[in-house]
């Protein structure tokens, strides 16, 4: 018989429980993507629809869908939401513009998800 959890700490377990398991530690092989796939992935992180992507890139909407399909396969993901999250987390590796002002700042190393009562 399953025991019902009542402890709040048990319910809010961090998905990044150990070293090397944080969101920036994921082994996404961005290098497997073509230049165009990298462009599509970068723009996907901005929340653009397929239609908006096609207009911005000057390609057919079905071509955008094909690019997204290949991106998902190469990054071993199953949804465009997962790809968009990767786009945001990997922005520094995807964005070729040195003038870009949206590069994420370096995050200081700290333990993942320290419970508030431990502070």
N, C-alpha and C. Protein backbone atom coordinates (compact mmCIF):
# COMPACT_ATOMS: atom_id res chain seq x y z
N UNK A 1 0.84 -1.18 0.00
CA UNK A 1 0.00 0.00 0.00
C UNK A 1 0.88 1.25 0.00
N UNK A 2 0.52 2.22 -0.83
CA UNK A 2 1.27 3.47 -0.91
C UNK A 2 0.94 4.36 0.27
N UNK A 3 1.98 4.91 0.84
CA UNK A 3 1.80 5.82 1.96
C UNK A 3 1.66 7.24 1.42
N UNK A 4 0.67 7.95 1.89
CA UNK A 4 0.45 9.33 1.45
C UNK A 4 1.49 10.25 2.08
N UNK A 5 2.08 11.08 1.25
CA UNK A 5 3.08 12.03 1.74
C UNK A 5 2.40 13.21 2.41
N UNK A 6 2.91 13.57 3.55
CA UNK A 6 2.36 14.72 4.24
C UNK A 6 3.41 15.79 4.50
N UNK A 7 4.67 15.42 4.35
CA UNK A 7 5.75 16.36 4.60
C UNK A 7 5.97 17.24 3.37
N UNK A 8 5.91 18.55 3.54
CA UNK A 8 6.07 19.49 2.42
C UNK A 8 7.41 19.32 1.73
N UNK A 9 8.45 18.97 2.47
CA UNK A 9 9.77 18.79 1.87
C UNK A 9 9.78 17.63 0.88
N UNK A 10 9.03 16.58 1.18
CA UNK A 10 8.96 15.44 0.28
C UNK A 10 8.27 15.80 -1.03
N UNK A 11 7.31 16.69 -0.96
CA UNK A 11 6.53 17.06 -2.14
C UNK A 11 7.33 17.96 -3.07
N UNK A 12 8.15 18.86 -2.52
CA UNK A 12 8.87 19.84 -3.33
C UNK A 12 10.32 19.43 -3.54
N UNK A 13 10.55 18.21 -3.96
CA UNK A 13 11.92 17.77 -4.22
C UNK A 13 12.47 18.45 -5.47
N UNK A 14 13.71 18.84 -5.39
CA UNK A 14 14.36 19.51 -6.52
C UNK A 14 14.71 18.47 -7.59
N UNK A 15 14.41 18.75 -8.86
CA UNK A 15 14.78 17.81 -9.92
C UNK A 15 16.28 17.77 -10.18
N UNK A 16 17.00 18.73 -9.62
CA UNK A 16 18.44 18.80 -9.82
C UNK A 16 19.14 18.41 -8.52
N UNK A 17 18.90 17.18 -8.09
CA UNK A 17 19.34 16.71 -6.78
C UNK A 17 20.82 16.52 -6.56
N UNK A 18 21.58 16.32 -7.58
CA UNK A 18 23.00 16.05 -7.36
C UNK A 18 23.88 16.91 -8.21
N UNK A 19 25.17 16.85 -7.96
CA UNK A 19 26.10 17.63 -8.77
C UNK A 19 26.07 17.17 -10.23
N UNK A 20 26.16 18.12 -11.12
CA UNK A 20 26.15 17.79 -12.55
C UNK A 20 24.78 17.50 -13.11
N UNK A 21 23.72 17.82 -12.35
CA UNK A 21 22.36 17.55 -12.83
C UNK A 21 21.54 18.82 -13.00
N UNK A 22 22.18 19.98 -12.93
CA UNK A 22 21.46 21.25 -13.07
C UNK A 22 21.08 21.52 -14.50
N UNK A 23 20.22 22.52 -14.72
CA UNK A 23 19.75 22.80 -16.07
C UNK A 23 20.85 23.21 -17.04
N UNK A 24 21.94 23.77 -16.53
CA UNK A 24 23.03 24.18 -17.42
C UNK A 24 24.03 23.04 -17.66
N UNK A 25 23.82 21.91 -16.97
CA UNK A 25 24.71 20.76 -17.10
C UNK A 25 24.22 19.74 -18.12
N UNK A 26 23.09 20.01 -18.75
CA UNK A 26 22.51 19.05 -19.69
C UNK A 26 23.41 18.87 -20.90
N UNK A 27 23.46 17.66 -21.42
CA UNK A 27 24.38 17.36 -22.53
C UNK A 27 23.77 17.60 -23.92
N UNK A 28 23.15 18.75 -24.13
CA UNK A 28 22.58 19.02 -25.45
C UNK A 28 23.71 19.21 -26.43
N UNK A 29 23.64 18.49 -27.52
CA UNK A 29 24.69 18.60 -28.53
C UNK A 29 24.25 19.61 -29.59
N UNK A 30 24.38 20.87 -29.25
CA UNK A 30 23.99 21.97 -30.14
C UNK A 30 24.81 21.90 -31.44
N UNK A 31 26.02 21.38 -31.36
CA UNK A 31 26.89 21.28 -32.52
C UNK A 31 26.35 20.39 -33.62
N UNK A 32 25.39 19.53 -33.32
CA UNK A 32 24.80 18.65 -34.33
C UNK A 32 23.82 19.40 -35.23
N UNK A 33 23.42 20.59 -34.81
CA UNK A 33 22.43 21.36 -35.57
C UNK A 33 23.09 22.11 -36.72
N UNK A 34 22.36 22.22 -37.83
CA UNK A 34 22.84 23.04 -38.94
C UNK A 34 22.69 24.51 -38.54
N UNK A 35 23.30 25.40 -39.32
CA UNK A 35 23.17 26.83 -39.03
C UNK A 35 21.71 27.27 -39.03
N UNK A 36 20.93 26.78 -39.99
CA UNK A 36 19.52 27.16 -40.06
C UNK A 36 18.73 26.61 -38.88
N UNK A 37 19.04 25.40 -38.47
CA UNK A 37 18.36 24.81 -37.31
C UNK A 37 18.70 25.61 -36.04
N UNK A 38 19.93 26.08 -35.96
CA UNK A 38 20.32 26.91 -34.81
C UNK A 38 19.52 28.22 -34.82
N UNK A 39 19.33 28.82 -36.01
CA UNK A 39 18.52 30.04 -36.12
C UNK A 39 17.10 29.78 -35.67
N UNK A 40 16.53 28.69 -36.15
CA UNK A 40 15.14 28.35 -35.79
C UNK A 40 15.03 28.13 -34.28
N UNK A 41 15.97 27.37 -33.72
CA UNK A 41 15.95 27.10 -32.28
C UNK A 41 16.08 28.39 -31.48
N UNK A 42 16.98 29.28 -31.89
CA UNK A 42 17.15 30.55 -31.20
C UNK A 42 15.86 31.36 -31.20
N UNK A 43 15.20 31.44 -32.35
CA UNK A 43 13.94 32.19 -32.45
C UNK A 43 12.80 31.49 -31.73
N UNK A 44 12.84 30.18 -31.68
CA UNK A 44 11.81 29.40 -30.98
C UNK A 44 11.81 29.76 -29.50
N UNK A 45 12.98 30.06 -28.97
CA UNK A 45 13.09 30.47 -27.57
C UNK A 45 12.41 31.79 -27.28
N UNK A 46 12.13 32.56 -28.32
CA UNK A 46 11.43 33.83 -28.16
C UNK A 46 9.92 33.67 -28.19
N UNK A 47 9.45 32.42 -28.32
CA UNK A 47 8.01 32.16 -28.28
C UNK A 47 7.29 32.38 -29.60
N UNK A 48 8.03 32.44 -30.70
CA UNK A 48 7.38 32.67 -32.00
C UNK A 48 6.63 31.43 -32.47
N UNK A 49 5.51 31.66 -33.13
CA UNK A 49 4.75 30.56 -33.73
C UNK A 49 5.43 30.12 -35.02
N UNK A 50 5.00 28.99 -35.58
CA UNK A 50 5.57 28.54 -36.85
C UNK A 50 5.38 29.59 -37.94
N UNK A 51 4.21 30.20 -37.96
CA UNK A 51 3.94 31.23 -38.97
C UNK A 51 4.88 32.43 -38.80
N UNK A 52 5.05 32.86 -37.55
CA UNK A 52 5.95 33.99 -37.29
C UNK A 52 7.40 33.63 -37.64
N UNK A 53 7.79 32.41 -37.34
CA UNK A 53 9.14 31.96 -37.71
C UNK A 53 9.31 31.98 -39.22
N UNK A 54 8.30 31.49 -39.94
CA UNK A 54 8.41 31.43 -41.40
C UNK A 54 8.52 32.83 -42.00
N UNK A 55 7.75 33.77 -41.48
CA UNK A 55 7.82 35.15 -41.98
C UNK A 55 9.17 35.79 -41.66
N UNK A 56 9.65 35.57 -40.45
CA UNK A 56 10.93 36.17 -40.04
C UNK A 56 12.10 35.59 -40.83
N UNK A 57 12.06 34.29 -41.13
CA UNK A 57 13.16 33.64 -41.83
C UNK A 57 12.98 33.62 -43.35
N UNK A 58 11.80 33.99 -43.82
CA UNK A 58 11.53 34.00 -45.26
C UNK A 58 11.47 32.60 -45.86
N UNK A 59 10.93 31.66 -45.10
CA UNK A 59 10.79 30.28 -45.57
C UNK A 59 9.36 29.82 -45.35
N UNK A 60 8.99 28.73 -45.98
CA UNK A 60 7.62 28.21 -45.86
C UNK A 60 7.38 27.66 -44.45
N UNK A 61 6.14 27.74 -44.02
CA UNK A 61 5.77 27.24 -42.70
C UNK A 61 6.07 25.73 -42.58
N UNK A 62 5.85 24.98 -43.66
CA UNK A 62 6.14 23.54 -43.60
C UNK A 62 7.63 23.29 -43.46
N UNK A 63 8.46 24.21 -43.96
CA UNK A 63 9.91 24.08 -43.79
C UNK A 63 10.29 24.33 -42.33
N UNK A 64 9.61 25.29 -41.70
CA UNK A 64 9.82 25.55 -40.27
C UNK A 64 9.49 24.29 -39.48
N UNK A 65 8.34 23.67 -39.80
CA UNK A 65 7.93 22.45 -39.10
C UNK A 65 8.97 21.35 -39.28
N UNK A 66 9.53 21.24 -40.47
CA UNK A 66 10.56 20.23 -40.73
C UNK A 66 11.82 20.52 -39.91
N UNK A 67 12.20 21.79 -39.83
CA UNK A 67 13.37 22.16 -39.03
C UNK A 67 13.14 21.82 -37.56
N UNK A 68 11.97 22.17 -37.05
CA UNK A 68 11.66 21.89 -35.64
C UNK A 68 11.67 20.39 -35.37
N UNK A 69 11.14 19.63 -36.29
CA UNK A 69 11.14 18.17 -36.17
C UNK A 69 12.57 17.63 -36.06
N UNK A 70 13.44 18.12 -36.92
CA UNK A 70 14.84 17.67 -36.90
C UNK A 70 15.57 18.15 -35.64
N UNK A 71 15.25 19.36 -35.20
CA UNK A 71 15.84 19.89 -33.96
C UNK A 71 15.46 18.99 -32.78
N UNK A 72 14.18 18.65 -32.68
CA UNK A 72 13.71 17.79 -31.59
C UNK A 72 14.42 16.44 -31.62
N UNK A 73 14.56 15.88 -32.80
CA UNK A 73 15.21 14.57 -32.94
C UNK A 73 16.69 14.66 -32.53
N UNK A 74 17.38 15.69 -33.02
CA UNK A 74 18.81 15.82 -32.73
C UNK A 74 19.09 16.12 -31.27
N UNK A 75 18.17 16.82 -30.61
CA UNK A 75 18.36 17.16 -29.20
C UNK A 75 17.68 16.16 -28.26
N UNK A 76 17.09 15.10 -28.84
CA UNK A 76 16.41 14.05 -28.06
C UNK A 76 15.30 14.63 -27.18
N UNK A 77 14.49 15.50 -27.77
CA UNK A 77 13.37 16.11 -27.07
C UNK A 77 12.08 15.72 -27.77
N UNK A 78 10.95 15.93 -27.10
CA UNK A 78 9.67 15.51 -27.68
C UNK A 78 8.69 16.65 -27.92
N UNK A 79 9.00 17.86 -27.46
CA UNK A 79 8.06 18.96 -27.67
C UNK A 79 8.78 20.27 -27.98
N UNK A 80 8.07 21.17 -28.62
CA UNK A 80 8.66 22.47 -28.93
C UNK A 80 8.89 23.27 -27.65
N UNK A 81 8.10 23.01 -26.61
CA UNK A 81 8.34 23.67 -25.33
C UNK A 81 9.71 23.28 -24.78
N UNK A 82 10.05 22.00 -24.84
CA UNK A 82 11.36 21.55 -24.39
C UNK A 82 12.46 22.24 -25.22
N UNK A 83 12.25 22.33 -26.51
CA UNK A 83 13.23 22.99 -27.38
C UNK A 83 13.35 24.47 -27.03
N UNK A 84 12.24 25.11 -26.73
CA UNK A 84 12.26 26.54 -26.37
C UNK A 84 13.03 26.75 -25.07
N UNK A 85 12.85 25.85 -24.12
CA UNK A 85 13.58 25.95 -22.85
C UNK A 85 15.08 25.79 -23.12
N UNK A 86 15.45 24.82 -23.94
CA UNK A 86 16.85 24.63 -24.31
C UNK A 86 17.39 25.88 -24.98
N UNK A 87 16.58 26.49 -25.83
CA UNK A 87 16.99 27.70 -26.53
C UNK A 87 17.36 28.80 -25.54
N UNK A 88 16.54 28.96 -24.52
CA UNK A 88 16.81 30.00 -23.52
C UNK A 88 18.05 29.66 -22.71
N UNK A 89 18.16 28.40 -22.28
CA UNK A 89 19.29 27.99 -21.46
C UNK A 89 20.61 27.98 -22.25
N UNK A 90 20.52 27.71 -23.55
CA UNK A 90 21.73 27.63 -24.38
C UNK A 90 21.91 28.88 -25.24
N UNK A 91 21.26 29.97 -24.87
CA UNK A 91 21.30 31.19 -25.68
C UNK A 91 22.73 31.63 -26.01
N UNK A 92 23.60 31.57 -25.02
CA UNK A 92 24.98 32.01 -25.24
C UNK A 92 25.68 31.18 -26.31
N UNK A 93 25.31 29.92 -26.45
CA UNK A 93 25.94 29.05 -27.46
C UNK A 93 25.24 29.19 -28.82
N UNK A 94 24.01 29.66 -28.82
CA UNK A 94 23.24 29.77 -30.07
C UNK A 94 23.36 31.13 -30.75
N UNK A 95 23.42 32.17 -29.96
CA UNK A 95 23.37 33.53 -30.50
C UNK A 95 24.75 33.99 -30.98
N UNK A 96 24.87 34.25 -32.28
CA UNK A 96 26.17 34.66 -32.82
C UNK A 96 26.43 36.16 -32.72
N UNK A 97 25.45 36.93 -32.27
CA UNK A 97 25.56 38.39 -32.27
C UNK A 97 26.34 38.88 -31.04
N UNK A 98 27.53 39.42 -31.24
CA UNK A 98 28.32 39.90 -30.10
C UNK A 98 27.69 41.11 -29.40
N UNK A 99 26.76 41.77 -30.09
CA UNK A 99 26.09 42.93 -29.49
C UNK A 99 24.84 42.54 -28.72
N UNK A 100 24.52 41.26 -28.69
CA UNK A 100 23.31 40.78 -28.02
C UNK A 100 23.32 41.19 -26.55
N UNK A 101 22.23 41.74 -26.10
CA UNK A 101 22.13 42.19 -24.71
C UNK A 101 21.35 41.20 -23.85
N UNK A 102 20.97 40.09 -24.42
CA UNK A 102 20.17 39.12 -23.65
C UNK A 102 20.96 37.91 -23.20
N UNK A 103 22.28 37.93 -23.37
CA UNK A 103 23.08 36.81 -22.88
C UNK A 103 22.89 36.71 -21.37
N UNK A 104 22.72 35.48 -20.90
CA UNK A 104 22.51 35.28 -19.47
C UNK A 104 23.78 35.60 -18.70
N UNK A 105 23.64 36.25 -17.54
CA UNK A 105 24.83 36.50 -16.72
C UNK A 105 25.32 35.18 -16.14
N UNK A 106 26.59 35.12 -15.81
CA UNK A 106 27.10 33.93 -15.17
C UNK A 106 26.45 33.79 -13.81
N UNK A 107 25.98 32.60 -13.52
CA UNK A 107 25.31 32.35 -12.25
C UNK A 107 26.37 31.80 -11.29
N UNK A 108 26.50 32.41 -10.10
CA UNK A 108 27.50 31.91 -9.17
C UNK A 108 27.18 30.48 -8.75
N UNK A 109 28.21 29.70 -8.53
CA UNK A 109 28.01 28.32 -8.11
C UNK A 109 27.48 28.32 -6.70
N UNK A 110 26.40 27.61 -6.51
CA UNK A 110 25.80 27.47 -5.20
C UNK A 110 25.06 26.13 -5.15
N UNK A 111 24.80 25.62 -3.96
CA UNK A 111 24.08 24.35 -3.88
C UNK A 111 22.70 24.50 -4.52
N UNK A 112 22.25 23.44 -5.19
CA UNK A 112 20.92 23.46 -5.80
C UNK A 112 19.84 23.33 -4.75
N UNK A 113 18.84 24.18 -4.81
CA UNK A 113 17.61 24.07 -4.01
C UNK A 113 17.86 23.84 -2.54
N UNK A 114 18.50 24.78 -1.89
CA UNK A 114 18.70 24.68 -0.45
C UNK A 114 17.36 24.95 0.21
N UNK A 115 16.86 24.02 1.02
CA UNK A 115 15.57 24.24 1.69
C UNK A 115 15.61 25.52 2.51
N UNK A 116 14.50 26.24 2.55
CA UNK A 116 14.45 27.53 3.23
C UNK A 116 14.72 27.39 4.74
N UNK A 117 14.37 26.26 5.33
CA UNK A 117 14.60 26.10 6.76
C UNK A 117 16.07 25.83 7.09
N UNK A 118 16.89 25.54 6.05
CA UNK A 118 18.31 25.27 6.27
C UNK A 118 19.13 26.56 6.32
N UNK A 119 18.52 27.68 5.92
CA UNK A 119 19.26 28.95 5.87
C UNK A 119 19.46 29.53 7.23
